[in-house]
Amino acid sequence: MVRRTQRSLHSSKIEEIQKEVKDFQWKVRRWHAEVPISSTVYIGLDPLNHCLSLMTRILNGEKEGTGYSRPFGANGMQ
């Protein structure tokens, strides 16, 4: 049996996850558009949307076989 850390994601599984992430991100963005900017709900949706964008970039890297690496200084972070 192959250990979990030695397995790779099959491309069909990556595509399945990508679809789910994309659908949920659109839902989060619709919520974002509906709530007032000054509300705590808006503040909570902002990092959730960012995390979903990050997940999309990670999945794209996995699908392309390049992996994901955050460039130094990306988004103002060192």
N, C-alpha and C. Protein backbone atom coordinates (compact mmCIF):
# COMPACT_ATOMS: atom_id res chain seq x y z
N MET A 1 0.84 -1.18 0.00
CA MET A 1 0.00 0.00 0.00
C MET A 1 0.89 1.25 0.00
N VAL A 2 0.54 2.22 -0.83
CA VAL A 2 1.30 3.46 -0.92
C VAL A 2 0.89 4.36 0.24
N ARG A 3 1.90 4.92 0.90
CA ARG A 3 1.61 5.83 2.00
C ARG A 3 1.00 7.11 1.46
N ARG A 4 0.17 7.71 2.24
CA ARG A 4 -0.56 8.90 1.83
C ARG A 4 0.36 10.03 1.37
N THR A 5 1.49 10.19 2.02
CA THR A 5 2.41 11.27 1.66
C THR A 5 3.11 11.03 0.33
N GLN A 6 3.06 9.80 -0.18
CA GLN A 6 3.74 9.49 -1.43
C GLN A 6 2.77 9.48 -2.62
N ARG A 7 1.50 9.68 -2.37
CA ARG A 7 0.52 9.69 -3.45
C ARG A 7 0.50 11.05 -4.13
N SER A 8 -0.01 11.07 -5.34
CA SER A 8 -0.23 12.34 -6.02
C SER A 8 -1.71 12.43 -6.37
N LEU A 9 -2.17 13.65 -6.56
CA LEU A 9 -3.56 13.85 -6.95
C LEU A 9 -3.74 13.54 -8.43
N HIS A 10 -4.77 12.80 -8.72
CA HIS A 10 -5.10 12.52 -10.12
C HIS A 10 -5.73 13.77 -10.71
N SER A 11 -5.48 14.02 -11.98
CA SER A 11 -5.98 15.25 -12.61
C SER A 11 -7.50 15.37 -12.56
N SER A 12 -8.20 14.25 -12.61
CA SER A 12 -9.67 14.32 -12.53
C SER A 12 -10.11 14.77 -11.14
N LYS A 13 -9.37 14.38 -10.11
CA LYS A 13 -9.70 14.82 -8.75
C LYS A 13 -9.41 16.32 -8.60
N ILE A 14 -8.32 16.78 -9.19
CA ILE A 14 -7.99 18.20 -9.14
C ILE A 14 -9.11 19.00 -9.82
N GLU A 15 -9.57 18.55 -10.97
CA GLU A 15 -10.65 19.25 -11.69
C GLU A 15 -11.93 19.26 -10.88
N GLU A 16 -12.21 18.17 -10.19
CA GLU A 16 -13.40 18.10 -9.34
C GLU A 16 -13.31 19.13 -8.21
N ILE A 17 -12.15 19.18 -7.58
CA ILE A 17 -11.95 20.15 -6.49
C ILE A 17 -12.02 21.57 -7.03
N GLN A 18 -11.39 21.81 -8.19
CA GLN A 18 -11.42 23.15 -8.79
C GLN A 18 -12.85 23.62 -9.03
N LYS A 19 -13.70 22.74 -9.52
CA LYS A 19 -15.09 23.11 -9.77
C LYS A 19 -15.79 23.50 -8.48
N GLU A 20 -15.59 22.71 -7.45
CA GLU A 20 -16.22 22.99 -6.15
C GLU A 20 -15.73 24.32 -5.59
N VAL A 21 -14.43 24.56 -5.67
CA VAL A 21 -13.85 25.80 -5.16
C VAL A 21 -14.41 26.99 -5.94
N LYS A 22 -14.44 26.87 -7.26
CA LYS A 22 -14.94 27.96 -8.10
C LYS A 22 -16.40 28.27 -7.79
N ASP A 23 -17.23 27.24 -7.68
CA ASP A 23 -18.65 27.44 -7.37
C ASP A 23 -18.82 28.13 -6.02
N PHE A 24 -18.05 27.69 -5.02
CA PHE A 24 -18.16 28.30 -3.70
C PHE A 24 -17.63 29.73 -3.71
N GLN A 25 -16.59 29.98 -4.47
CA GLN A 25 -16.05 31.34 -4.55
C GLN A 25 -17.07 32.30 -5.16
N TRP A 26 -17.79 31.85 -6.17
CA TRP A 26 -18.83 32.71 -6.75
C TRP A 26 -19.92 32.99 -5.73
N LYS A 27 -20.27 31.99 -4.93
CA LYS A 27 -21.27 32.19 -3.88
C LYS A 27 -20.77 33.21 -2.86
N VAL A 28 -19.52 33.09 -2.45
CA VAL A 28 -18.93 34.03 -1.49
C VAL A 28 -18.92 35.44 -2.08
N ARG A 29 -18.58 35.56 -3.34
CA ARG A 29 -18.55 36.88 -3.99
C ARG A 29 -19.95 37.49 -4.08
N ARG A 30 -20.96 36.66 -4.31
CA ARG A 30 -22.34 37.19 -4.31
C ARG A 30 -22.72 37.71 -2.93
N TRP A 31 -22.35 36.94 -1.89
CA TRP A 31 -22.62 37.40 -0.52
C TRP A 31 -21.90 38.72 -0.27
N HIS A 32 -20.66 38.78 -0.72
CA HIS A 32 -19.83 39.98 -0.55
C HIS A 32 -20.53 41.20 -1.14
N ALA A 33 -21.15 41.02 -2.30
CA ALA A 33 -21.82 42.13 -2.99
C ALA A 33 -23.12 42.54 -2.29
N GLU A 34 -23.69 41.64 -1.49
CA GLU A 34 -24.99 41.90 -0.88
C GLU A 34 -24.91 42.56 0.49
N VAL A 35 -23.82 42.38 1.20
CA VAL A 35 -23.74 42.89 2.57
C VAL A 35 -23.07 44.26 2.60
N PRO A 36 -23.42 45.09 3.57
CA PRO A 36 -22.78 46.41 3.69
C PRO A 36 -21.28 46.27 3.97
N ILE A 37 -20.50 47.17 3.39
CA ILE A 37 -19.05 47.14 3.56
C ILE A 37 -18.65 47.26 5.03
N SER A 38 -19.41 48.00 5.80
CA SER A 38 -19.04 48.23 7.20
C SER A 38 -19.42 47.07 8.13
N SER A 39 -20.08 46.04 7.61
CA SER A 39 -20.52 44.96 8.49
C SER A 39 -19.39 43.97 8.78
N THR A 40 -19.50 43.30 9.92
CA THR A 40 -18.51 42.28 10.27
C THR A 40 -18.60 41.08 9.33
N VAL A 41 -19.76 40.85 8.74
CA VAL A 41 -19.90 39.76 7.78
C VAL A 41 -19.01 40.03 6.57
N TYR A 42 -18.99 41.28 6.10
CA TYR A 42 -18.14 41.66 4.97
C TYR A 42 -16.67 41.42 5.31
N ILE A 43 -16.30 41.81 6.51
CA ILE A 43 -14.92 41.63 6.96
C ILE A 43 -14.55 40.14 7.01
N GLY A 44 -15.49 39.30 7.41
CA GLY A 44 -15.25 37.86 7.44
C GLY A 44 -15.19 37.23 6.06
N LEU A 45 -15.96 37.77 5.12
CA LEU A 45 -15.98 37.21 3.77
C LEU A 45 -14.70 37.54 2.99
N ASP A 46 -14.06 38.65 3.32
CA ASP A 46 -12.87 39.06 2.59
C ASP A 46 -11.73 38.03 2.68
N PRO A 47 -11.35 37.58 3.88
CA PRO A 47 -10.28 36.55 3.93
C PRO A 47 -10.73 35.21 3.36
N LEU A 48 -12.03 34.91 3.46
CA LEU A 48 -12.53 33.67 2.87
C LEU A 48 -12.36 33.70 1.36
N ASN A 49 -12.68 34.81 0.74
CA ASN A 49 -12.50 34.96 -0.69
C ASN A 49 -11.02 34.86 -1.07
N HIS A 50 -10.16 35.47 -0.26
CA HIS A 50 -8.72 35.39 -0.51
C HIS A 50 -8.22 33.95 -0.43
N CYS A 51 -8.69 33.21 0.56
CA CYS A 51 -8.28 31.80 0.71
C CYS A 51 -8.72 30.96 -0.48
N LEU A 52 -9.91 31.23 -0.99
CA LEU A 52 -10.39 30.48 -2.15
C LEU A 52 -9.56 30.81 -3.39
N SER A 53 -9.14 32.07 -3.53
CA SER A 53 -8.26 32.45 -4.65
C SER A 53 -6.92 31.74 -4.53
N LEU A 54 -6.39 31.67 -3.32
CA LEU A 54 -5.13 30.97 -3.08
C LEU A 54 -5.28 29.49 -3.42
N MET A 55 -6.39 28.88 -3.03
CA MET A 55 -6.63 27.47 -3.32
C MET A 55 -6.69 27.23 -4.83
N THR A 56 -7.27 28.17 -5.55
CA THR A 56 -7.33 28.06 -7.01
C THR A 56 -5.92 28.07 -7.60
N ARG A 57 -5.07 28.98 -7.11
CA ARG A 57 -3.68 29.03 -7.61
C ARG A 57 -2.92 27.76 -7.26
N ILE A 58 -3.14 27.23 -6.08
CA ILE A 58 -2.47 25.99 -5.67
C ILE A 58 -2.91 24.83 -6.56
N LEU A 59 -4.22 24.71 -6.80
CA LEU A 59 -4.72 23.63 -7.65
C LEU A 59 -4.22 23.76 -9.08
N ASN A 60 -4.13 24.99 -9.58
CA ASN A 60 -3.59 25.19 -10.93
C ASN A 60 -2.15 24.72 -11.00
N GLY A 61 -1.36 25.02 -9.98
CA GLY A 61 0.02 24.56 -9.93
C GLY A 61 0.13 23.05 -9.89
N GLU A 62 -0.74 22.42 -9.12
CA GLU A 62 -0.74 20.96 -9.05
C GLU A 62 -1.11 20.35 -10.39
N LYS A 63 -2.10 20.95 -11.04
CA LYS A 63 -2.56 20.42 -12.33
C LYS A 63 -1.47 20.54 -13.39
N GLU A 64 -0.75 21.66 -13.36
CA GLU A 64 0.33 21.88 -14.33
C GLU A 64 1.60 21.12 -13.97
N GLY A 65 1.66 20.60 -12.76
CA GLY A 65 2.83 19.86 -12.33
C GLY A 65 3.97 20.73 -11.83
N THR A 66 3.71 22.01 -11.69
CA THR A 66 4.75 22.93 -11.23
C THR A 66 4.69 23.16 -9.73
N GLY A 67 3.60 22.77 -9.11
CA GLY A 67 3.43 23.04 -7.68
C GLY A 67 3.12 24.51 -7.47
N TYR A 68 3.05 24.92 -6.24
CA TYR A 68 2.77 26.32 -5.93
C TYR A 68 3.86 26.85 -5.03
N SER A 69 4.41 27.97 -5.41
CA SER A 69 5.35 28.64 -4.53
C SER A 69 5.02 30.12 -4.57
N ARG A 70 4.93 30.71 -3.42
CA ARG A 70 4.62 32.13 -3.32
C ARG A 70 5.89 32.90 -3.56
N PRO A 71 5.86 33.77 -4.56
CA PRO A 71 7.07 34.57 -4.82
C PRO A 71 7.37 35.50 -3.65
N PHE A 72 8.64 35.73 -3.41
CA PHE A 72 9.06 36.61 -2.33
C PHE A 72 8.43 37.98 -2.53
N GLY A 73 7.78 38.48 -1.48
CA GLY A 73 7.16 39.79 -1.55
C GLY A 73 5.77 39.79 -2.14
N ALA A 74 5.19 38.62 -2.42
CA ALA A 74 3.85 38.58 -2.98
C ALA A 74 2.84 39.13 -1.99
N ASN A 75 1.95 39.97 -2.47
CA ASN A 75 0.92 40.59 -1.65
C ASN A 75 1.51 41.39 -0.49
N GLY A 76 2.70 41.92 -0.68
CA GLY A 76 3.32 42.75 0.33
C GLY A 76 3.88 42.01 1.53
N MET A 77 4.01 40.68 1.42
CA MET A 77 4.52 39.90 2.54
C MET A 77 5.93 39.41 2.23
N GLN A 78 6.78 39.44 3.21
CA GLN A 78 8.16 38.99 3.03
C GLN A 78 8.33 37.58 3.54
